[in-house]
Amino acid sequence: MRVCPRCNKTYSDDTLNFCLDDGELLTMMQRSPGGYVEEPPTMVLDGARVTDPISWGQPQTGQPPAQWTQPGTMAPQAQFGGYPMAIAPNQTLAIVSLCLGAASMTIGWCCSLGVILGPAAVITGLIARSQIKKDPNKFAGNGLALGGIITGSVFIGIYLLIILIWGASVFLSALGGR
């Protein structure tokens, strides 16, 4: 049996979930020896407990508490500098070379921007490879630098080939027009 908490109408159909009059969610009445009884009301507890963790039996001093050690041993001394960190090798010039080479191959054809980007990729790639050979612990990215050198060189080669073909066609058309 279910009852509507708003209008107190009871329904014998246990498949209903909402009151047909006002749409309120129906509550289930529990079966007792004398018939159906409503669920007990929810108890409201007292307010929240007020705590003051600062005054929990610790002496108020300006120093943090000492680290616990086993009896008879000395406390470890704090080390300067914290934990040692491994420094990653620098790959900046190699990455710049690869980016310039990729840019010369993709957007370098627009307004002949590759004439600047291609040689820049080759030069930064060569500088990066020379740094990597001098100090491999400090510098890395040999493959990236090589990729920048190759893409920059390929653009320069294709660009020079296009200029040679264009120049030859202009020269031959000028000879044939006489």
C-alpha atoms as a PDB file:
ATOM      1  CA  MET A   1       0.000   0.000   0.000  1.00  0.00           C
ATOM      2  CA  ARG A   2       1.250   3.502  -0.878  1.00  0.00           C
ATOM      3  CA  VAL A   3       0.300   6.913   0.463  1.00  0.00           C
ATOM      4  CA  CYS A   4       0.742  10.447  -0.869  1.00  0.00           C
ATOM      5  CA  PRO A   5       2.580  12.612   1.692  1.00  0.00           C
ATOM      6  CA  ARG A   6       0.940  15.825   0.400  1.00  0.00           C
ATOM      7  CA  CYS A   7      -2.775  14.906   0.160  1.00  0.00           C
ATOM      8  CA  ASN A   8      -2.675  11.709   2.341  1.00  0.00           C
ATOM      9  CA  LYS A   9      -4.556   9.700  -0.276  1.00  0.00           C
ATOM     10  CA  THR A  10      -3.803   5.957  -0.135  1.00  0.00           C
ATOM     11  CA  TYR A  11      -3.394   3.682  -3.149  1.00  0.00           C
ATOM     12  CA  SER A  12      -3.644  -0.109  -3.040  1.00  0.00           C
ATOM     13  CA  ASP A  13      -1.783  -0.495  -6.372  1.00  0.00           C
ATOM     14  CA  ASP A  14       1.901  -1.032  -5.511  1.00  0.00           C
ATOM     15  CA  THR A  15       2.980  -0.325  -9.101  1.00  0.00           C
ATOM     16  CA  LEU A  16       2.073   3.368  -8.830  1.00  0.00           C
ATOM     17  CA  ASN A  17       4.972   5.679  -8.006  1.00  0.00           C
ATOM     18  CA  PHE A  18       3.261   9.097  -8.152  1.00  0.00           C
ATOM     19  CA  CYS A  19      -0.009  10.483  -6.813  1.00  0.00           C
ATOM     20  CA  LEU A  20      -2.705  10.710  -9.471  1.00  0.00           C
ATOM     21  CA  ASP A  21      -4.062  13.988  -8.014  1.00  0.00           C
ATOM     22  CA  ASP A  22      -0.993  16.143  -7.370  1.00  0.00           C
ATOM     23  CA  GLY A  23       1.958  14.156  -8.854  1.00  0.00           C
ATOM     24  CA  GLU A  24       3.833  13.792  -5.539  1.00  0.00           C
ATOM     25  CA  LEU A  25       6.111  10.772  -5.058  1.00  0.00           C
ATOM     26  CA  LEU A  26       4.256   8.065  -3.124  1.00  0.00           C
ATOM     27  CA  THR A  27       5.738   6.505   0.013  1.00  0.00           C
ATOM     28  CA  MET A  28       5.388   2.851   0.903  1.00  0.00           C
ATOM     29  CA  MET A  29       3.494   1.942   4.047  1.00  0.00           C
ATOM     30  CA  GLN A  30       4.938  -0.962   6.033  1.00  0.00           C
ATOM     31  CA  ARG A  31       2.797  -3.931   6.959  1.00  0.00           C
ATOM     32  CA  SER A  32       2.319  -4.360  10.713  1.00  0.00           C
ATOM     33  CA  PRO A  33       0.154  -6.791  12.727  1.00  0.00           C
ATOM     34  CA  GLY A  34      -2.636  -4.225  12.995  1.00  0.00           C
ATOM     35  CA  GLY A  35      -2.535  -3.088   9.355  1.00  0.00           C
ATOM     36  CA  TYR A  36      -0.357  -0.647   7.422  1.00  0.00           C
ATOM     37  CA  VAL A  37       1.778   1.879   9.287  1.00  0.00           C
ATOM     38  CA  GLU A  38       3.692   4.814   7.844  1.00  0.00           C
ATOM     39  CA  GLU A  39       7.464   4.872   8.014  1.00  0.00           C
ATOM     40  CA  PRO A  40       8.875   6.542  11.124  1.00  0.00           C
ATOM     41  CA  PRO A  41       9.795  10.192  10.611  1.00  0.00           C
ATOM     42  CA  THR A  42      13.399  11.138   9.954  1.00  0.00           C
ATOM     43  CA  MET A  43      15.236  12.151  13.080  1.00  0.00           C
ATOM     44  CA  VAL A  44      17.012  15.482  13.053  1.00  0.00           C
ATOM     45  CA  LEU A  45      20.313  15.299  14.902  1.00  0.00           C
ATOM     46  CA  ASP A  46      21.940  18.067  16.900  1.00  0.00           C
ATOM     47  CA  GLY A  47      24.087  20.673  15.188  1.00  0.00           C
ATOM     48  CA  ALA A  48      27.629  20.026  14.062  1.00  0.00           C
ATOM     49  CA  ARG A  49      30.270  19.483  16.669  1.00  0.00           C
ATOM     50  CA  VAL A  50      32.568  22.447  17.177  1.00  0.00           C
ATOM     51  CA  THR A  51      36.199  21.433  17.138  1.00  0.00           C
ATOM     52  CA  ASP A  52      39.342  23.414  17.696  1.00  0.00           C
ATOM     53  CA  PRO A  53      42.310  21.342  16.462  1.00  0.00           C
ATOM     54  CA  ILE A  54      44.823  24.037  17.443  1.00  0.00           C
ATOM     55  CA  SER A  55      44.303  23.529  21.163  1.00  0.00           C
ATOM     56  CA  TRP A  56      44.461  19.727  21.180  1.00  0.00           C
ATOM     57  CA  GLY A  57      47.139  19.324  23.771  1.00  0.00           C
ATOM     58  CA  GLN A  58      50.116  20.535  21.766  1.00  0.00           C
ATOM     59  CA  PRO A  59      52.394  23.138  23.245  1.00  0.00           C
ATOM     60  CA  GLN A  60      52.191  26.409  21.377  1.00  0.00           C
ATOM     61  CA  THR A  61      55.735  27.091  20.165  1.00  0.00           C
ATOM     62  CA  GLY A  62      57.105  28.707  17.039  1.00  0.00           C
ATOM     63  CA  GLN A  63      58.900  25.528  15.917  1.00  0.00           C
ATOM     64  CA  PRO A  64      57.435  22.532  14.080  1.00  0.00           C
ATOM     65  CA  PRO A  65      57.330  19.230  15.980  1.00  0.00           C
ATOM     66  CA  ALA A  66      60.531  17.178  15.891  1.00  0.00           C
ATOM     67  CA  GLN A  67      60.796  14.085  13.703  1.00  0.00           C
ATOM     68  CA  TRP A  68      60.403  10.809  15.616  1.00  0.00           C
ATOM     69  CA  THR A  69      63.474   8.602  15.782  1.00  0.00           C
ATOM     70  CA  GLN A  70      64.188   5.318  17.474  1.00  0.00           C
ATOM     71  CA  PRO A  71      65.715   5.650  20.914  1.00  0.00           C
ATOM     72  CA  GLY A  72      69.494   5.718  20.794  1.00  0.00           C
ATOM     73  CA  THR A  73      69.759   7.009  17.210  1.00  0.00           C
ATOM     74  CA  MET A  74      70.356  10.529  16.014  1.00  0.00           C
ATOM     75  CA  ALA A  75      67.898  12.443  13.847  1.00  0.00           C
ATOM     76  CA  PRO A  76      69.032  12.809  10.219  1.00  0.00           C
ATOM     77  CA  GLN A  77      70.306  16.226   9.203  1.00  0.00           C
ATOM     78  CA  ALA A  78      68.470  18.164   6.514  1.00  0.00           C
ATOM     79  CA  GLN A  79      70.334  18.193   3.219  1.00  0.00           C
ATOM     80  CA  PHE A  80      70.727  21.272   1.110  1.00  0.00           C
ATOM     81  CA  GLY A  81      69.151  21.287  -2.329  1.00  0.00           C
ATOM     82  CA  GLY A  82      66.504  18.626  -1.829  1.00  0.00           C
ATOM     83  CA  TYR A  83      66.313  15.716  -4.245  1.00  0.00           C
ATOM     84  CA  PRO A  84      68.719  15.478  -7.182  1.00  0.00           C
ATOM     85  CA  MET A  85      67.065  15.936 -10.550  1.00  0.00           C
ATOM     86  CA  ALA A  86      68.211  14.602 -13.886  1.00  0.00           C
ATOM     87  CA  ILE A  87      68.495  17.381 -16.456  1.00  0.00           C
ATOM     88  CA  ALA A  88      67.065  16.515 -19.854  1.00  0.00           C
ATOM     89  CA  PRO A  89      69.307  17.251 -22.824  1.00  0.00           C
ATOM     90  CA  ASN A  90      68.536  20.384 -24.822  1.00  0.00           C
ATOM     91  CA  GLN A  91      66.821  19.719 -28.180  1.00  0.00           C
ATOM     92  CA  THR A  92      65.777  23.275 -29.004  1.00  0.00           C
ATOM     93  CA  LEU A  93      67.837  23.880 -32.148  1.00  0.00           C
ATOM     94  CA  ALA A  94      67.021  20.438 -33.514  1.00  0.00           C
ATOM     95  CA  ILE A  95      63.292  21.027 -33.046  1.00  0.00           C
ATOM     96  CA  VAL A  96      63.553  24.500 -34.607  1.00  0.00           C
ATOM     97  CA  SER A  97      65.387  23.008 -37.581  1.00  0.00           C
ATOM     98  CA  LEU A  98      62.718  20.360 -38.125  1.00  0.00           C
ATOM     99  CA  CYS A  99      59.905  22.916 -37.808  1.00  0.00           C
ATOM    100  CA  LEU A 100      61.569  25.268 -40.278  1.00  0.00           C
ATOM    101  CA  GLY A 101      62.134  22.414 -42.718  1.00  0.00           C
ATOM    102  CA  ALA A 102      58.522  21.258 -42.468  1.00  0.00           C
ATOM    103  CA  ALA A 103      57.306  24.849 -42.878  1.00  0.00           C
ATOM    104  CA  SER A 104      59.484  25.332 -45.960  1.00  0.00           C
ATOM    105  CA  MET A 105      57.976  22.206 -47.551  1.00  0.00           C
ATOM    106  CA  THR A 106      54.368  23.085 -46.714  1.00  0.00           C
ATOM    107  CA  ILE A 107      53.905  26.858 -46.632  1.00  0.00           C
ATOM    108  CA  GLY A 108      57.234  27.746 -48.257  1.00  0.00           C
ATOM    109  CA  TRP A 109      55.672  27.837 -51.726  1.00  0.00           C
ATOM    110  CA  CYS A 110      53.478  30.779 -50.755  1.00  0.00           C
ATOM    111  CA  CYS A 111      55.173  34.076 -51.686  1.00  0.00           C
ATOM    112  CA  SER A 112      58.514  32.230 -51.916  1.00  0.00           C
ATOM    113  CA  LEU A 113      58.696  32.106 -48.118  1.00  0.00           C
ATOM    114  CA  GLY A 114      60.652  28.863 -48.409  1.00  0.00           C
ATOM    115  CA  VAL A 115      63.633  30.769 -49.758  1.00  0.00           C
ATOM    116  CA  ILE A 116      64.089  32.013 -46.182  1.00  0.00           C
ATOM    117  CA  LEU A 117      62.809  28.940 -44.319  1.00  0.00           C
ATOM    118  CA  GLY A 118      64.766  26.283 -46.263  1.00  0.00           C
ATOM    119  CA  PRO A 119      68.273  27.697 -45.674  1.00  0.00           C
ATOM    120  CA  ALA A 120      67.336  28.542 -42.077  1.00  0.00           C
ATOM    121  CA  ALA A 121      66.362  24.893 -41.527  1.00  0.00           C
ATOM    122  CA  VAL A 122      69.651  23.690 -42.996  1.00  0.00           C
ATOM    123  CA  ILE A 123      71.754  26.154 -40.960  1.00  0.00           C
ATOM    124  CA  THR A 124      70.025  25.471 -37.613  1.00  0.00           C
ATOM    125  CA  GLY A 125      70.195  21.730 -38.288  1.00  0.00           C
ATOM    126  CA  LEU A 126      73.943  21.904 -38.929  1.00  0.00           C
ATOM    127  CA  ILE A 127      74.496  23.983 -35.785  1.00  0.00           C
ATOM    128  CA  ALA A 128      72.424  21.527 -33.742  1.00  0.00           C
ATOM    129  CA  ARG A 129      74.364  18.526 -35.077  1.00  0.00           C
ATOM    130  CA  SER A 130      77.698  20.169 -34.291  1.00  0.00           C
ATOM    131  CA  GLN A 131      76.519  20.894 -30.725  1.00  0.00           C
ATOM    132  CA  ILE A 132      75.349  17.294 -30.327  1.00  0.00           C
ATOM    133  CA  LYS A 133      78.744  15.984 -31.500  1.00  0.00           C
ATOM    134  CA  LYS A 134      80.628  18.287 -29.085  1.00  0.00           C
ATOM    135  CA  ASP A 135      78.561  17.543 -25.965  1.00  0.00           C
ATOM    136  CA  PRO A 136      76.081  14.636 -26.312  1.00  0.00           C
ATOM    137  CA  ASN A 137      75.177  14.786 -22.597  1.00  0.00           C
ATOM    138  CA  LYS A 138      73.975  18.380 -22.858  1.00  0.00           C
ATOM    139  CA  PHE A 139      72.426  18.349 -26.356  1.00  0.00           C
ATOM    140  CA  ALA A 140      70.210  15.792 -28.103  1.00  0.00           C
ATOM    141  CA  GLY A 141      67.912  15.466 -31.118  1.00  0.00           C
ATOM    142  CA  ASN A 142      70.285  14.257 -33.828  1.00  0.00           C
ATOM    143  CA  GLY A 143      67.417  12.751 -35.827  1.00  0.00           C
ATOM    144  CA  LEU A 144      65.349  15.910 -35.536  1.00  0.00           C
ATOM    145  CA  ALA A 145      68.240  18.026 -36.774  1.00  0.00           C
ATOM    146  CA  LEU A 146      68.856  15.600 -39.649  1.00  0.00           C
ATOM    147  CA  GLY A 147      65.168  15.794 -40.595  1.00  0.00           C
ATOM    148  CA  GLY A 148      65.374  19.588 -40.660  1.00  0.00           C
ATOM    149  CA  ILE A 149      68.491  19.504 -42.838  1.00  0.00           C
ATOM    150  CA  ILE A 150      66.894  17.041 -45.273  1.00  0.00           C
ATOM    151  CA  THR A 151      63.559  18.866 -45.608  1.00  0.00           C
ATOM    152  CA  GLY A 152      65.252  22.247 -45.997  1.00  0.00           C
ATOM    153  CA  SER A 153      67.656  20.837 -48.607  1.00  0.00           C
ATOM    154  CA  VAL A 154      64.850  19.130 -50.534  1.00  0.00           C
ATOM    155  CA  PHE A 155      62.939  22.405 -50.722  1.00  0.00           C
ATOM    156  CA  ILE A 156      66.015  24.303 -51.908  1.00  0.00           C
ATOM    157  CA  GLY A 157      66.701  21.631 -54.547  1.00  0.00           C
ATOM    158  CA  ILE A 158      63.118  21.599 -55.862  1.00  0.00           C
ATOM    159  CA  TYR A 159      62.997  25.406 -55.864  1.00  0.00           C
ATOM    160  CA  LEU A 160      66.269  25.653 -57.836  1.00  0.00           C
ATOM    161  CA  LEU A 161      65.023  23.005 -60.281  1.00  0.00           C
ATOM    162  CA  ILE A 162      61.815  24.993 -60.876  1.00  0.00           C
ATOM    163  CA  ILE A 163      63.829  28.174 -61.452  1.00  0.00           C
ATOM    164  CA  LEU A 164      66.136  26.365 -63.921  1.00  0.00           C
ATOM    165  CA  ILE A 165      63.179  24.929 -65.849  1.00  0.00           C
ATOM    166  CA  TRP A 166      61.467  28.327 -65.930  1.00  0.00           C
ATOM    167  CA  GLY A 167      64.681  30.074 -67.013  1.00  0.00           C
ATOM    168  CA  ALA A 168      65.288  27.505 -69.744  1.00  0.00           C
ATOM    169  CA  SER A 169      61.743  27.905 -71.048  1.00  0.00           C
ATOM    170  CA  VAL A 170      62.074  31.698 -71.129  1.00  0.00           C
ATOM    171  CA  PHE A 171      65.454  31.454 -72.893  1.00  0.00           C
ATOM    172  CA  LEU A 172      64.229  28.924 -75.457  1.00  0.00           C
ATOM    173  CA  SER A 173      61.063  30.909 -76.149  1.00  0.00           C
ATOM    174  CA  ALA A 174      63.190  34.008 -76.742  1.00  0.00           C
ATOM    175  CA  LEU A 175      65.393  32.129 -79.243  1.00  0.00           C
ATOM    176  CA  GLY A 176      62.422  30.670 -81.087  1.00  0.00           C
ATOM    177  CA  GLY A 177      60.716  34.057 -81.469  1.00  0.00           C
ATOM    178  CA  ARG A 178      63.436  35.587 -83.673  1.00  0.00           C
END
